[in-house]
Protein backbone atom coordinates (compact mmCIF):
# COMPACT_ATOMS: atom_id res chain seq x y z
CA MET A 1 142.06 190.10 213.70
CA THR A 2 144.60 192.63 214.69
CA ILE A 3 142.08 194.39 217.00
CA LEU A 4 139.84 192.35 219.53
CA VAL A 5 136.95 194.23 220.88
CA THR A 6 134.91 192.56 223.85
CA ARG A 7 132.10 194.09 225.95
CA LYS A 8 131.23 193.05 229.47
CA GLU A 9 128.72 194.94 231.58
CA HIS A 10 129.76 198.70 231.12
CA VAL A 11 133.39 198.09 229.86
CA CYS A 12 134.58 197.80 226.30
CA GLU A 13 137.83 196.23 226.26
CA VAL A 14 139.93 197.09 223.00
CA ARG A 15 143.19 194.82 222.58
CA LEU A 16 145.88 195.23 220.27
CA ASN A 17 146.51 191.72 218.53
CA ARG A 18 149.41 191.63 216.32
CA PRO A 19 151.84 190.12 218.65
CA GLU A 20 154.19 188.83 216.08
CA LYS A 21 154.98 192.58 215.21
CA ARG A 22 154.91 193.82 218.79
CA ASN A 23 151.45 195.16 218.10
CA ALA A 24 153.07 197.73 215.84
CA LEU A 25 150.27 199.75 214.46
CA THR A 26 149.09 199.90 210.90
CA SER A 27 146.68 202.02 209.00
CA ASN A 28 144.09 199.15 209.18
CA MET A 29 144.61 198.95 212.78
CA TYR A 30 144.10 202.56 213.26
CA GLU A 31 140.80 202.35 211.39
CA ALA A 32 139.61 199.50 213.51
CA LEU A 33 140.50 201.44 216.59
CA ILE A 34 138.62 204.38 215.33
CA ASP A 35 135.52 202.17 214.71
CA ALA A 36 135.70 200.56 218.12
CA PHE A 37 136.06 203.99 219.80
CA ALA A 38 133.14 205.40 217.95
CA GLU A 39 130.78 202.27 218.64
CA ALA A 40 131.84 202.62 222.35
CA GLU A 41 131.00 206.30 222.46
CA ALA A 42 127.68 205.69 220.82
CA ASP A 43 126.57 202.85 223.13
CA ASP A 44 125.14 204.26 226.29
CA GLU A 45 125.70 201.03 228.17
CA ILE A 46 129.35 201.51 227.82
CA ARG A 47 131.07 203.67 230.35
CA VAL A 48 134.79 202.62 230.10
CA ILE A 49 137.12 201.93 227.33
CA LEU A 50 140.05 199.58 228.44
CA LEU A 51 143.00 199.74 225.89
CA SER A 52 145.44 196.82 226.20
CA GLY A 53 147.85 194.64 224.01
CA GLU A 54 148.29 190.98 223.33
CA GLY A 55 151.99 189.19 223.65
CA ALA A 56 155.15 190.67 224.83
CA CYS A 57 154.25 194.33 224.96
CA PHE A 58 151.41 196.99 224.68
CA THR A 59 152.58 198.22 221.35
CA GLY A 60 155.93 198.89 219.54
CA GLY A 61 154.71 202.02 218.18
CA ASN A 62 153.89 202.81 214.58
CA ASP A 63 154.73 200.34 211.66
CA LEU A 64 156.99 202.71 209.97
CA LYS A 65 157.08 200.51 206.72
CA ASP A 66 153.20 200.97 206.70
CA PHE A 67 153.58 204.70 207.44
CA LEU A 68 156.02 205.18 204.78
CA ASN A 69 153.53 204.14 202.27
CA ALA A 70 151.39 207.04 202.79
CA PRO A 71 153.59 209.90 204.33
CA ASP A 72 151.56 212.86 203.57
CA VAL A 73 149.68 213.98 206.59
CA ILE A 74 146.40 215.79 205.96
CA SER A 75 143.47 216.81 208.07
CA ASP A 76 141.65 213.49 207.80
CA HIS A 77 144.63 211.16 208.06
CA VAL A 78 143.96 208.02 209.89
CA ILE A 79 146.33 208.79 212.68
CA VAL A 80 145.04 212.28 213.19
CA ARG A 81 141.43 210.79 213.26
CA PHE A 82 142.69 208.11 215.72
CA LEU A 83 144.25 210.80 218.01
CA ARG A 84 141.16 212.97 217.66
CA ALA A 85 139.05 209.98 219.01
CA LEU A 86 141.39 209.63 221.91
CA SER A 87 141.54 213.14 222.80
CA GLU A 88 137.89 213.72 222.54
CA ALA A 89 136.62 210.53 224.21
CA GLY A 90 133.82 211.03 226.57
CA LYS A 91 133.89 207.67 228.35
CA ILE A 92 136.66 206.94 230.87
CA LEU A 93 139.73 205.69 229.02
CA ILE A 94 142.03 203.18 230.66
CA ALA A 95 145.28 201.83 229.32
CA ALA A 96 147.03 198.52 230.62
CA VAL A 97 150.64 198.64 229.65
CA HIS A 98 153.36 196.09 229.55
CA GLY A 99 156.62 195.31 227.89
CA PRO A 100 158.70 197.69 225.78
CA THR A 101 156.06 200.43 224.85
CA VAL A 102 157.42 202.66 222.17
CA GLY A 103 156.62 205.97 220.34
CA ILE A 104 152.72 206.59 220.04
CA GLY A 105 152.31 203.80 222.49
CA VAL A 106 153.68 206.23 225.22
CA THR A 107 152.29 209.49 223.71
CA LEU A 108 148.80 208.12 223.52
CA LEU A 109 148.90 207.63 227.31
CA LEU A 110 148.74 211.34 227.75
CA HIS A 111 145.23 211.09 226.54
CA CYS A 112 144.16 208.27 228.98
CA ASP A 113 142.36 209.07 232.18
CA LEU A 114 143.91 206.14 233.99
CA VAL A 115 147.13 204.16 233.33
CA ILE A 116 148.08 200.77 234.96
CA ALA A 117 151.56 199.40 234.17
CA ALA A 118 153.16 195.99 234.74
CA ALA A 119 155.97 196.44 237.28
CA ARG A 120 158.57 194.14 235.88
CA SER A 121 158.44 194.47 232.07
CA THR A 122 157.33 197.91 231.41
CA ARG A 123 159.79 200.16 229.49
CA LEU A 124 158.38 203.39 228.04
CA ILE A 125 160.57 204.58 225.07
CA THR A 126 160.20 207.63 223.00
CA PRO A 127 162.94 207.23 220.25
CA PHE A 128 161.46 210.08 217.92
CA VAL A 129 164.56 212.25 217.87
CA GLN A 130 166.81 209.01 217.44
CA LEU A 131 164.77 208.39 214.32
CA GLY A 132 165.17 211.90 213.11
CA VAL A 133 161.43 212.71 213.47
CA VAL A 134 159.36 214.51 215.97
CA PRO A 135 156.81 213.37 218.62
CA GLU A 136 152.92 213.23 217.97
CA ALA A 137 149.67 213.18 219.82
CA ALA A 138 150.19 216.79 221.05
CA SER A 139 152.92 215.20 223.37
CA THR A 140 155.25 218.36 222.92
CA LEU A 141 152.58 220.24 224.75
CA LEU A 142 151.29 217.71 227.07
CA LEU A 143 154.44 215.87 228.34
CA PRO A 144 156.30 218.88 229.28
CA GLN A 145 153.07 220.07 231.21
CA LEU A 146 152.90 216.82 232.96
CA LEU A 147 156.46 215.99 233.81
CA GLY A 148 158.23 219.39 233.54
CA HIS A 149 160.35 220.61 230.67
CA GLN A 150 163.67 218.74 231.88
CA ARG A 151 162.03 215.49 232.43
CA ALA A 152 160.33 215.56 228.90
CA ALA A 153 163.47 216.71 227.40
CA GLU A 154 165.19 213.64 228.74
CA MET A 155 162.38 211.43 227.31
CA PHE A 156 162.26 213.04 223.97
CA LEU A 157 165.89 214.20 223.35
CA LEU A 158 167.66 211.12 224.73
CA GLY A 159 165.12 208.64 224.18
CA GLU A 160 166.17 206.44 226.95
CA PRO A 161 163.64 204.06 228.45
CA ILE A 162 161.87 204.62 231.79
CA ASP A 163 160.33 201.84 233.91
CA ALA A 164 156.96 201.66 235.57
CA ALA A 165 158.24 202.80 238.89
CA THR A 166 159.70 206.00 237.37
CA ALA A 167 156.72 206.46 235.33
CA ARG A 168 154.51 206.32 238.34
CA GLU A 169 156.96 208.74 240.09
CA TRP A 170 156.85 211.27 237.30
CA GLY A 171 152.87 210.96 237.00
CA LEU A 172 152.69 209.07 233.68
CA VAL A 173 151.16 205.98 235.42
CA ASN A 174 148.56 205.80 238.16
CA ARG A 175 149.18 202.16 239.35
CA VAL A 176 151.93 199.62 238.96
CA VAL A 177 151.20 196.13 239.62
CA ASP A 178 152.85 192.48 239.21
CA ASP A 179 153.09 191.48 235.44
CA GLU A 180 151.04 188.34 236.21
CA VAL A 181 147.86 190.30 237.54
CA LEU A 182 148.05 193.19 235.23
CA MET A 183 144.77 192.46 233.21
CA GLU A 184 142.90 191.13 236.43
CA GLU A 185 143.82 194.65 238.03
CA ALA A 186 143.04 196.50 235.02
CA ARG A 187 139.60 194.99 234.76
CA ALA A 188 138.84 195.68 238.44
CA LEU A 189 139.86 199.27 237.91
CA ALA A 190 137.59 199.55 234.79
CA ALA A 191 134.73 198.06 236.81
CA ALA A 192 135.32 200.58 239.54
CA ALA A 193 135.30 203.37 237.03
CA ALA A 194 132.33 202.10 235.41
CA ARG A 195 130.31 202.64 238.67
CA GLN A 196 130.86 206.22 238.37
CA PRO A 197 127.78 208.22 237.40
CA PRO A 198 128.27 208.65 233.56
CA GLY A 199 126.84 212.28 233.16
CA ALA A 200 129.24 213.54 235.79
CA VAL A 201 132.16 211.76 234.12
CA ARG A 202 131.56 213.31 230.67
CA ALA A 203 130.93 216.83 232.24
CA THR A 204 134.29 216.49 234.38
CA LYS A 205 136.29 215.15 231.30
CA ARG A 206 134.75 218.14 229.24
CA LEU A 207 135.90 220.74 231.79
CA MET A 208 139.26 219.15 232.32
CA ARG A 209 140.14 219.46 228.53
CA SER A 210 138.15 222.71 227.76
CA VAL A 211 140.91 225.32 228.11
CA GLN A 212 143.45 223.73 225.71
CA SER A 213 141.29 221.41 223.53
CA ALA A 214 141.75 223.55 220.36
CA GLN A 215 145.40 224.01 220.97
CA VAL A 216 145.75 220.19 221.28
CA ALA A 217 143.90 219.60 218.18
CA ALA A 218 146.00 222.05 216.17
CA LEU A 219 149.42 220.77 217.65
CA MET A 220 148.40 217.26 216.73
CA GLN A 221 148.16 218.42 212.92
CA GLU A 222 151.46 220.62 213.23
CA GLU A 223 153.28 217.75 214.83
CA LEU A 224 152.27 215.11 212.17
CA ARG A 225 152.97 217.46 209.28
CA GLU A 226 156.57 217.98 210.64
CA PHE A 227 156.60 214.27 211.32
CA ALA A 228 155.66 213.37 207.59
CA ALA A 229 158.24 216.03 206.21
CA ARG A 230 161.02 214.45 208.17
CA LEU A 231 160.32 211.07 206.81
CA ARG A 232 161.50 212.29 203.37
CA MET A 233 164.58 213.96 204.74
CA PRO A 234 168.24 212.37 204.65
CA GLU A 235 168.49 212.74 208.35
CA PHE A 236 165.54 210.19 208.79
CA ALA A 237 167.30 207.66 206.36
CA ALA A 238 170.59 207.93 208.21
CA ALA A 239 168.94 207.75 211.61
CA ALA A 240 166.73 204.65 210.74
CA GLN A 241 169.80 202.80 209.33
CA ALA A 242 171.79 203.53 212.51
CA PHE A 243 168.85 202.68 214.72
CA PHE A 244 167.79 199.39 212.99
CA GLY A 245 171.24 198.47 211.38
CA LYS A 246 169.60 198.45 207.93
CA SER A 247 168.65 201.01 205.16
CA ALA A 248 164.87 200.53 205.62
CA PRO A 249 162.91 200.61 208.87
CA ARG A 250 161.41 197.16 209.81
CA PRO A 251 157.81 196.71 210.68
CA GLY A 252 157.19 197.61 214.42
CA GLY A 253 160.03 199.92 214.26
CA GLY A 254 158.56 202.30 216.65
CA THR A 255 157.40 205.68 216.75
């Protein structure tokens, strides 16, 4: 199974489990993630969703080969539905990040409440422009809001990796821990978050996103329409060939 779901006390742990492809996300994986989030949201016993990845990294981003099989983005596209589940989650959402984390693996963090990162291995990489496409997950709004325009532009326009310490300094990450204890610390953080009054948590999350929730939803759609359009342009083919060293994107190729 490419998505592993376990429940313990008030925490639902959702783990990406495609390590041989750097946990690159396929349509089937997105469907499984949507189902896991929906079940967690519907379960009154679950208060926290903890997202992590098996193997050498959290995720290498979208599997571009899979994405190219269905490039048209419409309102019920699986990625749109996944991002909606993230942005509308009422439960506390925590991500445990390690290794080279690429594309949507970075932008989805903007919808998490807490992010904990492995100090040595974490590299956050946003190579959208390098690949001739655009960012997603409403990150063209949320990342500049969080980091400021110049830092967001550095990440998006240059695509240079940032490490865990920089991510914490810039506000993308709450905590940085040794690689060897990442999941131990992430589970301890999830347990602490699960002890908070759930009604107050849901109300606070709703208030925090109330002002721009409609803007986020609309921008997600606009970004993915632009993303899909650019997949059909010569610029993408040339950029992909330069980036991967071949004419077609490899699985796990990362947006």
